[in-house]
Amino acid sequence: MTDFTLHTLESAPEAAKPLLKKSQQDFGMIPNLHAVMAESPEALEAYQQLHRLFTQSSLNKDELTVVWQTINRAHNCHYCLPAHSLVAQMMGVNSELNDDVKNGKVLANAKLETLRVTTLAMVEQRGNLSAEQTEAFYQAGYSNQDMLAIILGMAQKVMSNFTNHIANTPVDDAFKKYI
């Protein structure tokens, strides 16, 4: 098994240091995921960019949370499920919504439930949605832009979820209460 370093501002490769400083500014700490990704400054930069772009997409904070947590659950990511619970709280997302998505429950809001089901199908079917699944998504009021936003969120989550699986990233103390 390969051990991954939890890089600090001192131990990180030079190109990763400004990226870790940005993480520290954004989160008040360097999340362990970012500390692991610092080994590859390109991976950390790509992850940060994907996160920024996804949060600027057509989806609102509840919808972002539904996509993130649906993918985190589908990938069984020990790190991202609690991490995105804190992110959801910081964004003002209702904790019941976050918990329901984390636990794979049917959502009370029909539009958000359609988003959850579509996102899960995108993961499980590798983007090969049926005509019926696609139609249900659009009938719920979503657009082509929203469909592409799901794919953007999936790209971000593949990077983080798979990194956490490979590195067995330790959950930060700030996230542990959301396990």
C-alpha atoms as a PDB file:
ATOM      1  CA  MET A   1       0.000   0.000   0.000  1.00  0.00           C
ATOM      2  CA  THR A   2       1.208   3.467  -0.848  1.00  0.00           C
ATOM      3  CA  ASP A   3       1.268   6.056   1.900  1.00  0.00           C
ATOM      4  CA  PHE A   4       0.183   9.554   1.007  1.00  0.00           C
ATOM      5  CA  THR A   5       1.608  12.582   2.741  1.00  0.00           C
ATOM      6  CA  LEU A   6      -0.690  15.098   4.365  1.00  0.00           C
ATOM      7  CA  HIS A   7       1.254  18.076   3.074  1.00  0.00           C
ATOM      8  CA  THR A   8       1.615  21.303   4.978  1.00  0.00           C
ATOM      9  CA  LEU A   9       2.634  24.687   3.649  1.00  0.00           C
ATOM     10  CA  GLU A  10       6.199  23.699   4.501  1.00  0.00           C
ATOM     11  CA  SER A  11       6.271  20.182   2.995  1.00  0.00           C
ATOM     12  CA  ALA A  12       4.212  20.756  -0.162  1.00  0.00           C
ATOM     13  CA  PRO A  13       5.784  21.046  -3.587  1.00  0.00           C
ATOM     14  CA  GLU A  14       6.416  24.710  -4.447  1.00  0.00           C
ATOM     15  CA  ALA A  15       3.618  24.855  -7.027  1.00  0.00           C
ATOM     16  CA  ALA A  16       1.112  23.586  -4.443  1.00  0.00           C
ATOM     17  CA  LYS A  17       1.943  26.120  -1.722  1.00  0.00           C
ATOM     18  CA  PRO A  18      -0.228  28.976  -3.073  1.00  0.00           C
ATOM     19  CA  LEU A  19      -3.063  26.487  -3.605  1.00  0.00           C
ATOM     20  CA  LEU A  20      -2.833  25.320   0.008  1.00  0.00           C
ATOM     21  CA  LYS A  21      -2.766  28.958   1.149  1.00  0.00           C
ATOM     22  CA  LYS A  22      -6.003  29.473  -0.785  1.00  0.00           C
ATOM     23  CA  SER A  23      -7.526  26.418   0.922  1.00  0.00           C
ATOM     24  CA  GLN A  24      -6.477  27.788   4.291  1.00  0.00           C
ATOM     25  CA  GLN A  25      -8.053  31.165   3.478  1.00  0.00           C
ATOM     26  CA  ASP A  26     -11.276  29.573   2.187  1.00  0.00           C
ATOM     27  CA  PHE A  27     -11.766  27.024   4.983  1.00  0.00           C
ATOM     28  CA  GLY A  28      -9.761  28.402   7.899  1.00  0.00           C
ATOM     29  CA  MET A  29      -7.629  25.257   7.661  1.00  0.00           C
ATOM     30  CA  ILE A  30      -6.074  22.994   5.078  1.00  0.00           C
ATOM     31  CA  PRO A  31      -8.548  20.130   4.634  1.00  0.00           C
ATOM     32  CA  ASN A  32      -6.820  16.756   4.582  1.00  0.00           C
ATOM     33  CA  LEU A  33      -8.108  16.102   1.060  1.00  0.00           C
ATOM     34  CA  HIS A  34      -6.267  19.202  -0.136  1.00  0.00           C
ATOM     35  CA  ALA A  35      -3.187  18.183   1.865  1.00  0.00           C
ATOM     36  CA  VAL A  36      -3.165  14.832   0.027  1.00  0.00           C
ATOM     37  CA  MET A  37      -3.836  16.394  -3.383  1.00  0.00           C
ATOM     38  CA  ALA A  38      -0.950  18.825  -2.870  1.00  0.00           C
ATOM     39  CA  GLU A  39       1.366  15.977  -3.918  1.00  0.00           C
ATOM     40  CA  SER A  40       0.155  16.797  -7.438  1.00  0.00           C
ATOM     41  CA  PRO A  41      -0.248  20.585  -7.706  1.00  0.00           C
ATOM     42  CA  GLU A  42      -2.083  20.043 -10.992  1.00  0.00           C
ATOM     43  CA  ALA A  43      -4.656  17.770  -9.356  1.00  0.00           C
ATOM     44  CA  LEU A  44      -5.208  20.206  -6.479  1.00  0.00           C
ATOM     45  CA  GLU A  45      -5.558  23.142  -8.847  1.00  0.00           C
ATOM     46  CA  ALA A  46      -8.000  21.229 -11.055  1.00  0.00           C
ATOM     47  CA  TYR A  47     -10.042  20.210  -8.009  1.00  0.00           C
ATOM     48  CA  GLN A  48     -10.201  23.768  -6.708  1.00  0.00           C
ATOM     49  CA  GLN A  49     -11.218  25.058 -10.140  1.00  0.00           C
ATOM     50  CA  LEU A  50     -13.922  22.406 -10.542  1.00  0.00           C
ATOM     51  CA  HIS A  51     -15.278  23.269  -7.095  1.00  0.00           C
ATOM     52  CA  ARG A  52     -15.361  26.974  -7.918  1.00  0.00           C
ATOM     53  CA  LEU A  53     -17.011  26.397 -11.289  1.00  0.00           C
ATOM     54  CA  PHE A  54     -19.593  23.975  -9.903  1.00  0.00           C
ATOM     55  CA  THR A  55     -20.623  26.421  -7.175  1.00  0.00           C
ATOM     56  CA  GLN A  56     -21.090  29.053  -9.904  1.00  0.00           C
ATOM     57  CA  SER A  57     -23.223  26.749 -12.055  1.00  0.00           C
ATOM     58  CA  SER A  58     -26.951  26.992 -12.689  1.00  0.00           C
ATOM     59  CA  LEU A  59     -27.734  24.958  -9.546  1.00  0.00           C
ATOM     60  CA  ASN A  60     -28.701  26.608  -6.253  1.00  0.00           C
ATOM     61  CA  LYS A  61     -27.215  25.674  -2.856  1.00  0.00           C
ATOM     62  CA  ASP A  62     -29.803  22.949  -2.179  1.00  0.00           C
ATOM     63  CA  GLU A  63     -29.281  21.472  -5.631  1.00  0.00           C
ATOM     64  CA  LEU A  64     -25.477  21.594  -5.245  1.00  0.00           C
ATOM     65  CA  THR A  65     -25.824  19.682  -1.993  1.00  0.00           C
ATOM     66  CA  VAL A  66     -28.131  17.104  -3.568  1.00  0.00           C
ATOM     67  CA  VAL A  67     -25.643  16.468  -6.373  1.00  0.00           C
ATOM     68  CA  TRP A  68     -22.563  16.376  -4.120  1.00  0.00           C
ATOM     69  CA  GLN A  69     -24.073  14.159  -1.454  1.00  0.00           C
ATOM     70  CA  THR A  70     -25.783  11.818  -3.925  1.00  0.00           C
ATOM     71  CA  ILE A  71     -22.442  11.187  -5.615  1.00  0.00           C
ATOM     72  CA  ASN A  72     -20.577  10.943  -2.303  1.00  0.00           C
ATOM     73  CA  ARG A  73     -23.098   8.326  -1.142  1.00  0.00           C
ATOM     74  CA  ALA A  74     -22.957   6.399  -4.430  1.00  0.00           C
ATOM     75  CA  HIS A  75     -19.162   6.318  -4.186  1.00  0.00           C
ATOM     76  CA  ASN A  76     -19.329   5.540  -0.438  1.00  0.00           C
ATOM     77  CA  CYS A  77     -16.814   8.285   0.332  1.00  0.00           C
ATOM     78  CA  HIS A  78     -15.958   8.196   4.032  1.00  0.00           C
ATOM     79  CA  TYR A  79     -14.437  11.668   3.824  1.00  0.00           C
ATOM     80  CA  CYS A  80     -16.704  13.684   1.532  1.00  0.00           C
ATOM     81  CA  LEU A  81     -20.028  12.742   3.151  1.00  0.00           C
ATOM     82  CA  PRO A  82     -19.127  14.493   6.430  1.00  0.00           C
ATOM     83  CA  ALA A  83     -17.077  17.210   4.697  1.00  0.00           C
ATOM     84  CA  HIS A  84     -19.994  18.243   2.489  1.00  0.00           C
ATOM     85  CA  SER A  85     -22.301  18.175   5.487  1.00  0.00           C
ATOM     86  CA  LEU A  86     -20.239  21.010   6.946  1.00  0.00           C
ATOM     87  CA  VAL A  87     -20.181  22.739   3.543  1.00  0.00           C
ATOM     88  CA  ALA A  88     -23.980  22.432   3.386  1.00  0.00           C
ATOM     89  CA  GLN A  89     -24.291  23.933   6.856  1.00  0.00           C
ATOM     90  CA  MET A  90     -21.959  26.793   5.883  1.00  0.00           C
ATOM     91  CA  MET A  91     -24.130  27.464   2.807  1.00  0.00           C
ATOM     92  CA  GLY A  92     -27.308  27.516   4.929  1.00  0.00           C
ATOM     93  CA  VAL A  93     -28.777  24.294   3.525  1.00  0.00           C
ATOM     94  CA  ASN A  94     -31.437  22.694   5.707  1.00  0.00           C
ATOM     95  CA  SER A  95     -29.767  19.920   7.719  1.00  0.00           C
ATOM     96  CA  GLU A  96     -32.740  17.590   7.144  1.00  0.00           C
ATOM     97  CA  LEU A  97     -32.275  17.852   3.376  1.00  0.00           C
ATOM     98  CA  ASN A  98     -28.556  17.112   3.707  1.00  0.00           C
ATOM     99  CA  ASP A  99     -29.204  14.160   6.040  1.00  0.00           C
ATOM    100  CA  ASP A 100     -31.914  12.730   3.795  1.00  0.00           C
ATOM    101  CA  VAL A 101     -29.617  12.813   0.760  1.00  0.00           C
ATOM    102  CA  LYS A 102     -26.712  11.346   2.758  1.00  0.00           C
ATOM    103  CA  ASN A 103     -28.974   8.499   3.842  1.00  0.00           C
ATOM    104  CA  GLY A 104     -30.488   7.877   0.409  1.00  0.00           C
ATOM    105  CA  LYS A 105     -34.010   8.816   1.476  1.00  0.00           C
ATOM    106  CA  VAL A 106     -36.697   9.986  -0.916  1.00  0.00           C
ATOM    107  CA  LEU A 107     -36.766  13.787  -0.751  1.00  0.00           C
ATOM    108  CA  ALA A 108     -39.994  15.586   0.129  1.00  0.00           C
ATOM    109  CA  ASN A 109     -39.394  18.209  -2.572  1.00  0.00           C
ATOM    110  CA  ALA A 110     -40.336  16.546  -5.883  1.00  0.00           C
ATOM    111  CA  LYS A 111     -37.962  18.662  -7.976  1.00  0.00           C
ATOM    112  CA  LEU A 112     -34.995  17.930  -5.697  1.00  0.00           C
ATOM    113  CA  GLU A 113     -35.962  14.239  -5.665  1.00  0.00           C
ATOM    114  CA  THR A 114     -35.841  14.215  -9.462  1.00  0.00           C
ATOM    115  CA  LEU A 115     -32.380  15.788  -9.278  1.00  0.00           C
ATOM    116  CA  ARG A 116     -31.265  13.142  -6.761  1.00  0.00           C
ATOM    117  CA  VAL A 117     -32.631  10.270  -8.852  1.00  0.00           C
ATOM    118  CA  THR A 118     -31.125  11.682 -12.058  1.00  0.00           C
ATOM    119  CA  THR A 119     -27.725  12.239 -10.454  1.00  0.00           C
ATOM    120  CA  LEU A 120     -27.709   8.720  -9.035  1.00  0.00           C
ATOM    121  CA  ALA A 121     -28.673   7.300 -12.434  1.00  0.00           C
ATOM    122  CA  MET A 122     -25.887   9.334 -14.058  1.00  0.00           C
ATOM    123  CA  VAL A 123     -23.362   7.745 -11.675  1.00  0.00           C
ATOM    124  CA  GLU A 124     -24.708   4.209 -11.807  1.00  0.00           C
ATOM    125  CA  GLN A 125     -25.344   4.203 -15.564  1.00  0.00           C
ATOM    126  CA  ARG A 126     -22.192   6.153 -16.442  1.00  0.00           C
ATOM    127  CA  GLY A 127     -24.207   8.926 -18.056  1.00  0.00           C
ATOM    128  CA  ASN A 128     -26.365   6.614 -20.163  1.00  0.00           C
ATOM    129  CA  LEU A 129     -29.802   7.859 -19.143  1.00  0.00           C
ATOM    130  CA  SER A 130     -32.888   6.414 -20.737  1.00  0.00           C
ATOM    131  CA  ALA A 131     -35.287   8.627 -22.662  1.00  0.00           C
ATOM    132  CA  GLU A 132     -37.735   8.317 -19.742  1.00  0.00           C
ATOM    133  CA  GLN A 133     -35.123   9.380 -17.181  1.00  0.00           C
ATOM    134  CA  THR A 134     -34.090  12.357 -19.289  1.00  0.00           C
ATOM    135  CA  GLU A 135     -37.697  13.393 -19.884  1.00  0.00           C
ATOM    136  CA  ALA A 136     -38.474  13.213 -16.145  1.00  0.00           C
ATOM    137  CA  PHE A 137     -35.508  15.518 -15.469  1.00  0.00           C
ATOM    138  CA  TYR A 138     -36.708  18.093 -17.969  1.00  0.00           C
ATOM    139  CA  GLN A 139     -40.362  17.765 -16.872  1.00  0.00           C
ATOM    140  CA  ALA A 140     -39.243  18.638 -13.331  1.00  0.00           C
ATOM    141  CA  GLY A 141     -38.080  22.012 -14.641  1.00  0.00           C
ATOM    142  CA  TYR A 142     -34.408  21.346 -15.243  1.00  0.00           C
ATOM    143  CA  SER A 143     -32.503  22.355 -18.382  1.00  0.00           C
ATOM    144  CA  ASN A 144     -29.606  21.222 -20.543  1.00  0.00           C
ATOM    145  CA  GLN A 145     -27.432  23.627 -18.556  1.00  0.00           C
ATOM    146  CA  ASP A 146     -28.457  21.861 -15.344  1.00  0.00           C
ATOM    147  CA  MET A 147     -27.677  18.451 -16.872  1.00  0.00           C
ATOM    148  CA  LEU A 148     -24.198  19.665 -17.744  1.00  0.00           C
ATOM    149  CA  ALA A 149     -23.839  21.060 -14.215  1.00  0.00           C
ATOM    150  CA  ILE A 150     -24.420  17.542 -12.853  1.00  0.00           C
ATOM    151  CA  ILE A 151     -21.582  16.301 -15.063  1.00  0.00           C
ATOM    152  CA  LEU A 152     -19.345  19.102 -13.775  1.00  0.00           C
ATOM    153  CA  GLY A 153     -20.173  18.103 -10.198  1.00  0.00           C
ATOM    154  CA  MET A 154     -19.458  14.469 -11.047  1.00  0.00           C
ATOM    155  CA  ALA A 155     -16.002  15.415 -12.351  1.00  0.00           C
ATOM    156  CA  GLN A 156     -15.239  17.186  -9.077  1.00  0.00           C
ATOM    157  CA  LYS A 157     -16.533  14.283  -6.996  1.00  0.00           C
ATOM    158  CA  VAL A 158     -14.647  11.633  -8.970  1.00  0.00           C
ATOM    159  CA  MET A 159     -11.447  13.526  -8.172  1.00  0.00           C
ATOM    160  CA  SER A 160     -12.153  13.813  -4.453  1.00  0.00           C
ATOM    161  CA  ASN A 161     -13.948  10.510  -3.822  1.00  0.00           C
ATOM    162  CA  PHE A 162     -11.368   8.426  -5.679  1.00  0.00           C
ATOM    163  CA  THR A 163      -8.456  10.289  -4.056  1.00  0.00           C
ATOM    164  CA  ASN A 164      -9.968   9.633  -0.639  1.00  0.00           C
ATOM    165  CA  HIS A 165     -10.412   5.939  -1.411  1.00  0.00           C
ATOM    166  CA  ILE A 166      -6.839   5.536  -2.660  1.00  0.00           C
ATOM    167  CA  ALA A 167      -5.233   7.657   0.070  1.00  0.00           C
ATOM    168  CA  ASN A 168      -7.630   6.650   2.877  1.00  0.00           C
ATOM    169  CA  THR A 169      -7.702  10.343   3.721  1.00  0.00           C
ATOM    170  CA  PRO A 170      -8.266  10.883   7.444  1.00  0.00           C
ATOM    171  CA  VAL A 171     -11.448  12.830   8.229  1.00  0.00           C
ATOM    172  CA  ASP A 172     -10.634  16.274   9.603  1.00  0.00           C
ATOM    173  CA  ASP A 173     -11.714  17.002  13.172  1.00  0.00           C
ATOM    174  CA  ALA A 174     -14.015  19.765  11.854  1.00  0.00           C
ATOM    175  CA  PHE A 175     -15.994  17.160   9.880  1.00  0.00           C
ATOM    176  CA  LYS A 176     -16.133  14.320  12.425  1.00  0.00           C
ATOM    177  CA  LYS A 177     -19.404  15.411  14.030  1.00  0.00           C
ATOM    178  CA  TYR A 178     -21.113  14.818  10.659  1.00  0.00           C
ATOM    179  CA  ILE A 179     -20.069  11.169  10.357  1.00  0.00           C
END
